[in-house]
Amino acid sequence: MMKIYTTNIKNIAFLILISAVSSYKLLAQTNSSPTINKQQSHVLKSTINGHTYNLNISLPQNYSINDTTHYPIFLILDGNFSFPIAHASRTIMDMFGELENIIIVGIGYEWEESFIPWQTDRWTDFTPTKDSITDENPVFRETFELPSGSLVSGGAATFFDVIKNEIIPFVDKEYKTTTDRGISGHSMGGLFVSYCLLSNPGFFSKYGINSPSLWWDNKVMFDIEKSYSENQTELSAKVFMSVGGLEAKSMVLAINEFTDTLRSKNYNGLHLTTHVFENETHTSVIAAMINRTLKILYSPEK
């Protein structure tokens, strides 16, 4: 026989009231007059590589043009899908004082009617070397129904120039920024962030390298790291690296190998945190890794 349990309605109401009061008190302790984080959007047509970028901006709660406060900026690649997650996460974390005051910049692509511009432009922008064999791999082309020749790799150096000479100056002009910069990416975006870490050290101070495509071009990032370590002993950066536990075994092994390599060099100034998100796939991990990247890189110092 099924048992039926009854609960005093007054007790439930009392517990809800206590919970609400406790939450209100916590909110009052962290931010006495919270406001909704504002968003802004811009379209930037690059004169360097010809790509069009959708820039979505998430501002700190109390951002104002009427004071002298300036803020670090944090770039998030693949902004079309990553920015809404980042903005929602920072909004609730800001409310409870769990995140530094930063300006988040989502860098996305045009995809109003098709995923094709996103897939082809990011493929070029995020890859550090030319790999014609992978460009023509049917696994990648057929997934997005791309004709032969649509994928052209090797544009990472140029994309970094776009960030350095067009996107950052634009954001600096429009908003109150500092020179403290961070960047985060997932998949091929993670590959690009790895490239930035070792090819342009010092431009960013914080890096989110999530599910990076370290398999690219016969694991060329390991060659880039080896070349860097032969001439450098310092790598001043705060780095968070992650992967989903249900991703391809080769992805998990590659990120473990890469983190072991970085740690073995004992770089001065490198602060490296890693995490495996159990029971998450290459796509389901995205929301989790954005939240954790923000928390690891931008939690207020206590």
C-alpha atoms as a PDB file:
ATOM      1  CA  MET A   1       0.000   0.000   0.000  1.00  0.00           C
ATOM      2  CA  MET A   2       1.288   3.433  -0.917  1.00  0.00           C
ATOM      3  CA  LYS A   3       2.017   5.619   2.094  1.00  0.00           C
ATOM      4  CA  ILE A   4       0.720   9.155   2.043  1.00  0.00           C
ATOM      5  CA  TYR A   5       2.629  11.731   4.054  1.00  0.00           C
ATOM      6  CA  THR A   6       1.073  14.979   5.210  1.00  0.00           C
ATOM      7  CA  THR A   7       3.012  18.095   6.104  1.00  0.00           C
ATOM      8  CA  ASN A   8       1.819  21.061   8.085  1.00  0.00           C
ATOM      9  CA  ILE A   9       1.322  23.936   5.635  1.00  0.00           C
ATOM     10  CA  LYS A  10       2.235  26.446   8.307  1.00  0.00           C
ATOM     11  CA  ASN A  11       5.607  24.750   8.781  1.00  0.00           C
ATOM     12  CA  ILE A  12       6.323  24.929   5.046  1.00  0.00           C
ATOM     13  CA  ALA A  13       5.403  28.604   4.930  1.00  0.00           C
ATOM     14  CA  PHE A  14       7.627  29.280   7.930  1.00  0.00           C
ATOM     15  CA  LEU A  15      10.608  27.545   6.301  1.00  0.00           C
ATOM     16  CA  ILE A  16      10.105  29.493   3.071  1.00  0.00           C
ATOM     17  CA  LEU A  17       9.950  32.748   5.025  1.00  0.00           C
ATOM     18  CA  ILE A  18      13.155  31.938   6.946  1.00  0.00           C
ATOM     19  CA  SER A  19      14.926  31.032   3.690  1.00  0.00           C
ATOM     20  CA  ALA A  20      13.841  34.264   2.017  1.00  0.00           C
ATOM     21  CA  VAL A  21      14.940  36.385   4.980  1.00  0.00           C
ATOM     22  CA  SER A  22      18.324  34.640   5.103  1.00  0.00           C
ATOM     23  CA  SER A  23      18.871  35.203   1.392  1.00  0.00           C
ATOM     24  CA  TYR A  24      17.904  38.848   1.732  1.00  0.00           C
ATOM     25  CA  LYS A  25      20.345  39.334   4.612  1.00  0.00           C
ATOM     26  CA  LEU A  26      23.131  37.701   2.593  1.00  0.00           C
ATOM     27  CA  LEU A  27      22.338  39.925  -0.363  1.00  0.00           C
ATOM     28  CA  ALA A  28      22.386  42.996   1.862  1.00  0.00           C
ATOM     29  CA  GLN A  29      25.818  42.041   3.159  1.00  0.00           C
ATOM     30  CA  THR A  30      27.304  41.670  -0.302  1.00  0.00           C
ATOM     31  CA  ASN A  31      25.620  44.446  -2.242  1.00  0.00           C
ATOM     32  CA  SER A  32      23.246  46.889  -0.597  1.00  0.00           C
ATOM     33  CA  SER A  33      21.646  48.115  -3.817  1.00  0.00           C
ATOM     34  CA  PRO A  34      22.097  45.548  -6.606  1.00  0.00           C
ATOM     35  CA  THR A  35      21.315  46.541 -10.162  1.00  0.00           C
ATOM     36  CA  ILE A  36      20.944  44.479 -13.305  1.00  0.00           C
ATOM     37  CA  ASN A  37      24.137  44.100 -15.325  1.00  0.00           C
ATOM     38  CA  LYS A  38      23.819  46.036 -18.573  1.00  0.00           C
ATOM     39  CA  GLN A  39      24.589  44.616 -22.016  1.00  0.00           C
ATOM     40  CA  GLN A  40      25.724  46.369 -25.170  1.00  0.00           C
ATOM     41  CA  SER A  41      26.241  45.062 -28.698  1.00  0.00           C
ATOM     42  CA  HIS A  42      28.472  46.212 -31.547  1.00  0.00           C
ATOM     43  CA  VAL A  43      29.447  44.990 -34.999  1.00  0.00           C
ATOM     44  CA  LEU A  44      33.079  45.327 -36.050  1.00  0.00           C
ATOM     45  CA  LYS A  45      34.205  44.762 -39.630  1.00  0.00           C
ATOM     46  CA  SER A  46      37.905  43.944 -39.583  1.00  0.00           C
ATOM     47  CA  THR A  47      40.142  45.663 -42.091  1.00  0.00           C
ATOM     48  CA  ILE A  48      42.868  43.136 -41.281  1.00  0.00           C
ATOM     49  CA  ASN A  49      41.202  39.836 -42.225  1.00  0.00           C
ATOM     50  CA  GLY A  50      37.841  40.975 -43.622  1.00  0.00           C
ATOM     51  CA  HIS A  51      35.784  39.060 -41.057  1.00  0.00           C
ATOM     52  CA  THR A  52      32.775  40.590 -39.329  1.00  0.00           C
ATOM     53  CA  TYR A  53      32.643  40.219 -35.547  1.00  0.00           C
ATOM     54  CA  ASN A  54      29.657  40.599 -33.259  1.00  0.00           C
ATOM     55  CA  LEU A  55      30.910  42.078 -29.985  1.00  0.00           C
ATOM     56  CA  ASN A  56      28.624  41.606 -26.989  1.00  0.00           C
ATOM     57  CA  ILE A  57      29.533  43.504 -23.832  1.00  0.00           C
ATOM     58  CA  SER A  58      28.542  42.633 -20.260  1.00  0.00           C
ATOM     59  CA  LEU A  59      29.191  45.446 -17.792  1.00  0.00           C
ATOM     60  CA  PRO A  60      29.656  45.339 -14.003  1.00  0.00           C
ATOM     61  CA  GLN A  61      26.549  46.121 -11.953  1.00  0.00           C
ATOM     62  CA  ASN A  62      27.508  49.649 -10.961  1.00  0.00           C
ATOM     63  CA  TYR A  63      29.299  50.631 -14.173  1.00  0.00           C
ATOM     64  CA  SER A  64      28.895  54.356 -14.783  1.00  0.00           C
ATOM     65  CA  ILE A  65      30.329  56.853 -17.220  1.00  0.00           C
ATOM     66  CA  ASN A  66      30.204  59.429 -14.442  1.00  0.00           C
ATOM     67  CA  ASP A  67      32.986  58.018 -12.257  1.00  0.00           C
ATOM     68  CA  THR A  68      36.679  57.321 -12.753  1.00  0.00           C
ATOM     69  CA  THR A  69      36.614  53.568 -12.140  1.00  0.00           C
ATOM     70  CA  HIS A  70      38.173  51.397 -14.846  1.00  0.00           C
ATOM     71  CA  TYR A  71      37.808  47.637 -15.218  1.00  0.00           C
ATOM     72  CA  PRO A  72      39.746  44.603 -16.497  1.00  0.00           C
ATOM     73  CA  ILE A  73      38.360  43.029 -19.655  1.00  0.00           C
ATOM     74  CA  PHE A  74      37.722  39.349 -20.278  1.00  0.00           C
ATOM     75  CA  LEU A  75      37.323  38.108 -23.855  1.00  0.00           C
ATOM     76  CA  ILE A  76      35.214  35.008 -24.510  1.00  0.00           C
ATOM     77  CA  LEU A  77      35.478  33.370 -27.924  1.00  0.00           C
ATOM     78  CA  ASP A  78      32.518  31.862 -29.788  1.00  0.00           C
ATOM     79  CA  GLY A  79      30.454  34.605 -28.213  1.00  0.00           C
ATOM     80  CA  ASN A  80      27.278  33.640 -30.088  1.00  0.00           C
ATOM     81  CA  PHE A  81      26.621  30.849 -27.603  1.00  0.00           C
ATOM     82  CA  SER A  82      29.174  31.469 -24.824  1.00  0.00           C
ATOM     83  CA  PHE A  83      28.319  35.101 -24.084  1.00  0.00           C
ATOM     84  CA  PRO A  84      24.691  34.555 -22.931  1.00  0.00           C
ATOM     85  CA  ILE A  85      25.932  31.919 -20.479  1.00  0.00           C
ATOM     86  CA  ALA A  86      28.737  34.150 -19.225  1.00  0.00           C
ATOM     87  CA  HIS A  87      26.447  37.163 -18.820  1.00  0.00           C
ATOM     88  CA  ALA A  88      23.851  35.173 -16.880  1.00  0.00           C
ATOM     89  CA  SER A  89      26.510  33.624 -14.666  1.00  0.00           C
ATOM     90  CA  ARG A  90      28.242  36.895 -13.868  1.00  0.00           C
ATOM     91  CA  THR A  91      24.926  38.597 -13.137  1.00  0.00           C
ATOM     92  CA  ILE A  92      24.049  36.218 -10.312  1.00  0.00           C
ATOM     93  CA  MET A  93      27.651  36.036  -9.047  1.00  0.00           C
ATOM     94  CA  ASP A  94      27.878  39.838  -9.039  1.00  0.00           C
ATOM     95  CA  MET A  95      24.681  39.987  -7.015  1.00  0.00           C
ATOM     96  CA  PHE A  96      26.334  38.054  -4.208  1.00  0.00           C
ATOM     97  CA  GLY A  97      29.802  39.559  -4.538  1.00  0.00           C
ATOM     98  CA  GLU A  98      31.384  36.367  -5.881  1.00  0.00           C
ATOM     99  CA  LEU A  99      33.089  37.910  -8.909  1.00  0.00           C
ATOM    100  CA  GLU A 100      35.518  40.731  -9.496  1.00  0.00           C
ATOM    101  CA  ASN A 101      34.158  43.739 -11.367  1.00  0.00           C
ATOM    102  CA  ILE A 102      35.121  43.014 -14.969  1.00  0.00           C
ATOM    103  CA  ILE A 103      33.925  43.849 -18.459  1.00  0.00           C
ATOM    104  CA  ILE A 104      33.126  40.682 -20.423  1.00  0.00           C
ATOM    105  CA  VAL A 105      33.492  40.853 -24.207  1.00  0.00           C
ATOM    106  CA  GLY A 106      31.937  38.058 -26.246  1.00  0.00           C
ATOM    107  CA  ILE A 107      33.535  37.782 -29.688  1.00  0.00           C
ATOM    108  CA  GLY A 108      31.102  36.128 -32.075  1.00  0.00           C
ATOM    109  CA  TYR A 109      30.352  35.813 -35.775  1.00  0.00           C
ATOM    110  CA  GLU A 110      27.443  36.417 -38.123  1.00  0.00           C
ATOM    111  CA  TRP A 111      24.999  33.497 -38.124  1.00  0.00           C
ATOM    112  CA  GLU A 112      21.501  34.917 -38.463  1.00  0.00           C
ATOM    113  CA  GLU A 113      20.511  32.513 -41.228  1.00  0.00           C
ATOM    114  CA  SER A 114      23.267  29.893 -41.217  1.00  0.00           C
ATOM    115  CA  PHE A 115      26.024  28.412 -39.072  1.00  0.00           C
ATOM    116  CA  ILE A 116      28.384  28.498 -42.053  1.00  0.00           C
ATOM    117  CA  PRO A 117      30.034  31.925 -41.442  1.00  0.00           C
ATOM    118  CA  TRP A 118      30.615  30.955 -37.814  1.00  0.00           C
ATOM    119  CA  GLN A 119      32.176  27.614 -38.679  1.00  0.00           C
ATOM    120  CA  THR A 120      34.370  28.829 -41.538  1.00  0.00           C
ATOM    121  CA  ASP A 121      35.596  32.049 -39.890  1.00  0.00           C
ATOM    122  CA  ARG A 122      36.390  30.456 -36.522  1.00  0.00           C
ATOM    123  CA  TRP A 123      38.197  27.614 -38.296  1.00  0.00           C
ATOM    124  CA  THR A 124      40.518  30.153 -39.873  1.00  0.00           C
ATOM    125  CA  ASP A 125      40.834  32.409 -36.827  1.00  0.00           C
ATOM    126  CA  PHE A 126      41.524  29.768 -34.192  1.00  0.00           C
ATOM    127  CA  THR A 127      44.050  27.516 -35.956  1.00  0.00           C
ATOM    128  CA  PRO A 128      47.760  28.374 -35.533  1.00  0.00           C
ATOM    129  CA  THR A 129      49.029  26.484 -38.577  1.00  0.00           C
ATOM    130  CA  LYS A 130      47.926  25.529 -42.053  1.00  0.00           C
ATOM    131  CA  ASP A 131      46.725  21.906 -42.178  1.00  0.00           C
ATOM    132  CA  SER A 132      45.278  21.225 -45.621  1.00  0.00           C
ATOM    133  CA  ILE A 133      44.556  17.565 -44.890  1.00  0.00           C
ATOM    134  CA  THR A 134      42.335  18.413 -41.929  1.00  0.00           C
ATOM    135  CA  ASP A 135      40.743  21.266 -43.897  1.00  0.00           C
ATOM    136  CA  GLU A 136      39.408  18.696 -46.364  1.00  0.00           C
ATOM    137  CA  ASN A 137      38.484  16.054 -43.787  1.00  0.00           C
ATOM    138  CA  PRO A 138      34.874  15.083 -44.618  1.00  0.00           C
ATOM    139  CA  VAL A 139      34.047  14.595 -40.934  1.00  0.00           C
ATOM    140  CA  PHE A 140      34.297  18.348 -40.396  1.00  0.00           C
ATOM    141  CA  ARG A 141      32.875  19.516 -43.721  1.00  0.00           C
ATOM    142  CA  GLU A 142      29.872  17.206 -43.778  1.00  0.00           C
ATOM    143  CA  THR A 143      28.834  18.038 -40.220  1.00  0.00           C
ATOM    144  CA  PHE A 144      27.980  21.561 -41.372  1.00  0.00           C
ATOM    145  CA  GLU A 145      27.278  20.660 -45.012  1.00  0.00           C
ATOM    146  CA  LEU A 146      30.224  22.700 -46.261  1.00  0.00           C
ATOM    147  CA  PRO A 147      31.498  22.429 -49.834  1.00  0.00           C
ATOM    148  CA  SER A 148      35.094  21.480 -50.518  1.00  0.00           C
ATOM    149  CA  GLY A 149      37.465  24.386 -49.954  1.00  0.00           C
ATOM    150  CA  SER A 150      35.275  26.108 -47.360  1.00  0.00           C
ATOM    151  CA  LEU A 151      37.630  25.433 -44.459  1.00  0.00           C
ATOM    152  CA  VAL A 152      40.931  27.295 -44.614  1.00  0.00           C
ATOM    153  CA  SER A 153      43.179  27.017 -41.581  1.00  0.00           C
ATOM    154  CA  GLY A 154      46.187  28.912 -40.276  1.00  0.00           C
ATOM    155  CA  GLY A 155      44.824  32.362 -39.388  1.00  0.00           C
ATOM    156  CA  ALA A 156      45.554  32.512 -35.639  1.00  0.00           C
ATOM    157  CA  ALA A 157      48.406  35.015 -35.941  1.00  0.00           C
ATOM    158  CA  THR A 158      46.211  37.297 -38.028  1.00  0.00           C
ATOM    159  CA  PHE A 159      43.283  36.935 -35.631  1.00  0.00           C
ATOM    160  CA  PHE A 160      45.543  37.874 -32.734  1.00  0.00           C
ATOM    161  CA  ASP A 161      46.408  41.036 -34.677  1.00  0.00           C
ATOM    162  CA  VAL A 162      42.674  41.711 -35.059  1.00  0.00           C
ATOM    163  CA  ILE A 163      42.222  41.387 -31.299  1.00  0.00           C
ATOM    164  CA  LYS A 164      45.281  43.484 -30.469  1.00  0.00           C
ATOM    165  CA  ASN A 165      44.886  46.226 -33.065  1.00  0.00           C
ATOM    166  CA  GLU A 166      41.122  46.428 -33.677  1.00  0.00           C
ATOM    167  CA  ILE A 167      38.955  44.758 -31.029  1.00  0.00           C
ATOM    168  CA  ILE A 168      40.865  45.848 -27.915  1.00  0.00           C
ATOM    169  CA  PRO A 169      41.307  49.468 -29.105  1.00  0.00           C
ATOM    170  CA  PHE A 170      37.587  49.622 -29.925  1.00  0.00           C
ATOM    171  CA  VAL A 171      36.588  48.323 -26.493  1.00  0.00           C
ATOM    172  CA  ASP A 172      39.102  50.640 -24.808  1.00  0.00           C
ATOM    173  CA  LYS A 173      37.604  53.601 -26.647  1.00  0.00           C
ATOM    174  CA  GLU A 174      33.980  52.746 -25.882  1.00  0.00           C
ATOM    175  CA  TYR A 175      34.379  51.577 -22.279  1.00  0.00           C
ATOM    176  CA  LYS A 176      36.427  52.308 -19.181  1.00  0.00           C
ATOM    177  CA  THR A 177      39.043  49.570 -19.282  1.00  0.00           C
ATOM    178  CA  THR A 178      42.434  48.758 -17.811  1.00  0.00           C
ATOM    179  CA  THR A 179      45.326  46.886 -19.425  1.00  0.00           C
ATOM    180  CA  ASP A 180      44.540  43.796 -17.319  1.00  0.00           C
ATOM    181  CA  ARG A 181      43.116  41.364 -19.885  1.00  0.00           C
ATOM    182  CA  GLY A 182      41.903  37.782 -19.934  1.00  0.00           C
ATOM    183  CA  ILE A 183      40.734  35.416 -22.663  1.00  0.00           C
ATOM    184  CA  SER A 184      38.846  32.115 -22.750  1.00  0.00           C
ATOM    185  CA  GLY A 185      37.874  29.629 -25.422  1.00  0.00           C
ATOM    186  CA  HIS A 186      36.453  26.140 -25.902  1.00  0.00           C
ATOM    187  CA  SER A 187      37.460  23.471 -28.422  1.00  0.00           C
ATOM    188  CA  MET A 188      39.260  25.252 -31.259  1.00  0.00           C
ATOM    189  CA  GLY A 189      38.806  28.407 -29.214  1.00  0.00           C
ATOM    190  CA  GLY A 190      40.793  26.646 -26.490  1.00  0.00           C
ATOM    191  CA  LEU A 191      43.460  25.855 -29.077  1.00  0.00           C
ATOM    192  CA  PHE A 192      43.698  29.553 -29.932  1.00  0.00           C
ATOM    193  CA  VAL A 193      43.962  30.554 -26.267  1.00  0.00           C
ATOM    194  CA  SER A 194      46.806  28.029 -25.871  1.00  0.00           C
ATOM    195  CA  TYR A 195      48.478  29.662 -28.853  1.00  0.00           C
ATOM    196  CA  CYS A 196      48.104  33.120 -27.282  1.00  0.00           C
ATOM    197  CA  LEU A 197      49.633  31.882 -24.031  1.00  0.00           C
ATOM    198  CA  LEU A 198      52.837  30.703 -25.705  1.00  0.00           C
ATOM    199  CA  SER A 199      53.115  32.910 -28.787  1.00  0.00           C
ATOM    200  CA  ASN A 200      52.127  36.262 -27.300  1.00  0.00           C
ATOM    201  CA  PRO A 201      52.930  35.977 -23.575  1.00  0.00           C
ATOM    202  CA  GLY A 202      52.110  39.000 -21.469  1.00  0.00           C
ATOM    203  CA  PHE A 203      49.348  40.469 -23.607  1.00  0.00           C
ATOM    204  CA  PHE A 204      46.803  38.599 -21.499  1.00  0.00           C
ATOM    205  CA  SER A 205      47.236  37.797 -17.820  1.00  0.00           C
ATOM    206  CA  LYS A 206      44.449  35.224 -17.459  1.00  0.00           C
ATOM    207  CA  TYR A 207      43.585  32.283 -19.707  1.00  0.00           C
ATOM    208  CA  GLY A 208      40.672  29.844 -19.865  1.00  0.00           C
ATOM    209  CA  ILE A 209      41.730  26.851 -21.973  1.00  0.00           C
ATOM    210  CA  ASN A 210      38.755  24.510 -22.156  1.00  0.00           C
ATOM    211  CA  SER A 211      38.501  21.253 -24.126  1.00  0.00           C
ATOM    212  CA  PRO A 212      41.287  22.536 -26.393  1.00  0.00           C
ATOM    213  CA  SER A 213      41.811  20.918 -29.797  1.00  0.00           C
ATOM    214  CA  LEU A 214      45.411  20.010 -28.978  1.00  0.00           C
ATOM    215  CA  TRP A 215      45.301  17.282 -31.622  1.00  0.00           C
ATOM    216  CA  TRP A 216      45.523  19.985 -34.290  1.00  0.00           C
ATOM    217  CA  ASP A 217      48.215  19.497 -36.968  1.00  0.00           C
ATOM    218  CA  ASN A 218      49.890  16.536 -35.281  1.00  0.00           C
ATOM    219  CA  LYS A 219      49.786  18.237 -31.867  1.00  0.00           C
ATOM    220  CA  VAL A 220      51.666  21.299 -33.070  1.00  0.00           C
ATOM    221  CA  MET A 221      51.012  23.134 -29.781  1.00  0.00           C
ATOM    222  CA  PHE A 222      53.485  20.800 -28.101  1.00  0.00           C
ATOM    223  CA  ASP A 223      56.118  21.891 -30.626  1.00  0.00           C
ATOM    224  CA  ILE A 224      55.279  25.536 -29.959  1.00  0.00           C
ATOM    225  CA  GLU A 225      55.628  24.972 -26.212  1.00  0.00           C
ATOM    226  CA  LYS A 226      58.954  23.194 -26.691  1.00  0.00           C
ATOM    227  CA  SER A 227      60.326  26.088 -28.745  1.00  0.00           C
ATOM    228  CA  TYR A 228      59.144  28.549 -26.112  1.00  0.00           C
ATOM    229  CA  SER A 229      60.739  26.623 -23.235  1.00  0.00           C
ATOM    230  CA  GLU A 230      64.093  26.466 -24.996  1.00  0.00           C
ATOM    231  CA  ASN A 231      64.440  30.237 -24.676  1.00  0.00           C
ATOM    232  CA  GLN A 232      62.202  31.215 -21.754  1.00  0.00           C
ATOM    233  CA  THR A 233      61.963  30.352 -18.063  1.00  0.00           C
ATOM    234  CA  GLU A 234      59.101  32.722 -17.240  1.00  0.00           C
ATOM    235  CA  LEU A 235      55.431  32.448 -18.158  1.00  0.00           C
ATOM    236  CA  SER A 236      53.516  34.890 -15.995  1.00  0.00           C
ATOM    237  CA  ALA A 237      49.878  33.854 -16.301  1.00  0.00           C
ATOM    238  CA  LYS A 238      46.904  32.556 -14.362  1.00  0.00           C
ATOM    239  CA  VAL A 239      45.567  29.601 -16.341  1.00  0.00           C
ATOM    240  CA  PHE A 240      42.502  27.388 -15.962  1.00  0.00           C
ATOM    241  CA  MET A 241      42.394  24.266 -18.136  1.00  0.00           C
ATOM    242  CA  SER A 242      39.464  21.855 -18.265  1.00  0.00           C
ATOM    243  CA  VAL A 243      37.903  19.013 -20.209  1.00  0.00           C
ATOM    244  CA  GLY A 244      34.715  16.957 -20.038  1.00  0.00           C
ATOM    245  CA  GLY A 245      35.072  13.469 -18.601  1.00  0.00           C
ATOM    246  CA  LEU A 246      32.949  11.975 -21.406  1.00  0.00           C
ATOM    247  CA  GLU A 247      34.939  13.588 -24.204  1.00  0.00           C
ATOM    248  CA  ALA A 248      37.012  11.442 -26.538  1.00  0.00           C
ATOM    249  CA  LYS A 249      39.784   9.671 -24.667  1.00  0.00           C
ATOM    250  CA  SER A 250      42.347  11.358 -26.900  1.00  0.00           C
ATOM    251  CA  MET A 251      41.071  14.789 -25.786  1.00  0.00           C
ATOM    252  CA  VAL A 252      41.433  13.925 -22.104  1.00  0.00           C
ATOM    253  CA  LEU A 253      44.875  12.388 -22.593  1.00  0.00           C
ATOM    254  CA  ALA A 254      46.078  15.373 -24.628  1.00  0.00           C
ATOM    255  CA  ILE A 255      45.102  17.954 -22.025  1.00  0.00           C
ATOM    256  CA  ASN A 256      46.688  15.830 -19.287  1.00  0.00           C
ATOM    257  CA  GLU A 257      49.878  15.624 -21.330  1.00  0.00           C
ATOM    258  CA  PHE A 258      49.862  19.362 -21.999  1.00  0.00           C
ATOM    259  CA  THR A 259      49.358  20.310 -18.350  1.00  0.00           C
ATOM    260  CA  ASP A 260      52.062  17.854 -17.286  1.00  0.00           C
ATOM    261  CA  THR A 261      54.404  19.415 -19.834  1.00  0.00           C
ATOM    262  CA  LEU A 262      53.739  22.936 -18.590  1.00  0.00           C
ATOM    263  CA  ARG A 263      54.219  21.930 -14.962  1.00  0.00           C
ATOM    264  CA  SER A 264      57.423  20.042 -15.705  1.00  0.00           C
ATOM    265  CA  LYS A 265      59.071  23.226 -17.001  1.00  0.00           C
ATOM    266  CA  ASN A 266      58.579  25.040 -13.668  1.00  0.00           C
ATOM    267  CA  TYR A 267      57.879  28.344 -15.394  1.00  0.00           C
ATOM    268  CA  ASN A 268      58.248  31.350 -13.124  1.00  0.00           C
ATOM    269  CA  GLY A 269      54.906  33.100 -12.623  1.00  0.00           C
ATOM    270  CA  LEU A 270      52.673  30.328 -13.975  1.00  0.00           C
ATOM    271  CA  HIS A 271      49.619  29.550 -11.839  1.00  0.00           C
ATOM    272  CA  LEU A 272      47.847  26.564 -13.384  1.00  0.00           C
ATOM    273  CA  THR A 273      44.549  25.034 -12.249  1.00  0.00           C
ATOM    274  CA  THR A 274      42.985  22.028 -13.985  1.00  0.00           C
ATOM    275  CA  HIS A 275      39.659  20.230 -13.760  1.00  0.00           C
ATOM    276  CA  VAL A 276      37.858  17.297 -15.356  1.00  0.00           C
ATOM    277  CA  PHE A 277      34.082  17.758 -15.465  1.00  0.00           C
ATOM    278  CA  GLU A 278      32.804  14.238 -14.908  1.00  0.00           C
ATOM    279  CA  ASN A 279      29.811  13.020 -16.959  1.00  0.00           C
ATOM    280  CA  GLU A 280      30.075  15.960 -19.379  1.00  0.00           C
ATOM    281  CA  THR A 281      30.580  15.709 -23.138  1.00  0.00           C
ATOM    282  CA  HIS A 282      32.406  18.073 -25.475  1.00  0.00           C
ATOM    283  CA  THR A 283      29.256  20.168 -25.831  1.00  0.00           C
ATOM    284  CA  SER A 284      27.452  19.715 -22.523  1.00  0.00           C
ATOM    285  CA  VAL A 285      30.558  20.898 -20.670  1.00  0.00           C
ATOM    286  CA  ILE A 286      30.362  24.412 -22.119  1.00  0.00           C
ATOM    287  CA  ALA A 287      28.111  25.958 -19.476  1.00  0.00           C
ATOM    288  CA  ALA A 288      30.032  24.318 -16.642  1.00  0.00           C
ATOM    289  CA  MET A 289      33.429  25.403 -17.928  1.00  0.00           C
ATOM    290  CA  ILE A 290      32.326  29.020 -18.438  1.00  0.00           C
ATOM    291  CA  ASN A 291      31.106  29.224 -14.846  1.00  0.00           C
ATOM    292  CA  ARG A 292      34.256  27.605 -13.481  1.00  0.00           C
ATOM    293  CA  THR A 293      36.551  29.726 -15.648  1.00  0.00           C
ATOM    294  CA  LEU A 294      34.986  32.898 -14.269  1.00  0.00           C
ATOM    295  CA  LYS A 295      35.212  31.585 -10.720  1.00  0.00           C
ATOM    296  CA  ILE A 296      38.847  30.454 -10.951  1.00  0.00           C
ATOM    297  CA  LEU A 297      40.160  33.486 -12.798  1.00  0.00           C
ATOM    298  CA  TYR A 298      38.073  36.249 -11.233  1.00  0.00           C
ATOM    299  CA  SER A 299      37.009  35.311  -7.714  1.00  0.00           C
ATOM    300  CA  PRO A 300      37.650  38.283  -5.394  1.00  0.00           C
ATOM    301  CA  GLU A 301      40.781  37.979  -3.298  1.00  0.00           C
ATOM    302  CA  LYS A 302      40.041  37.317   0.352  1.00  0.00           C
END
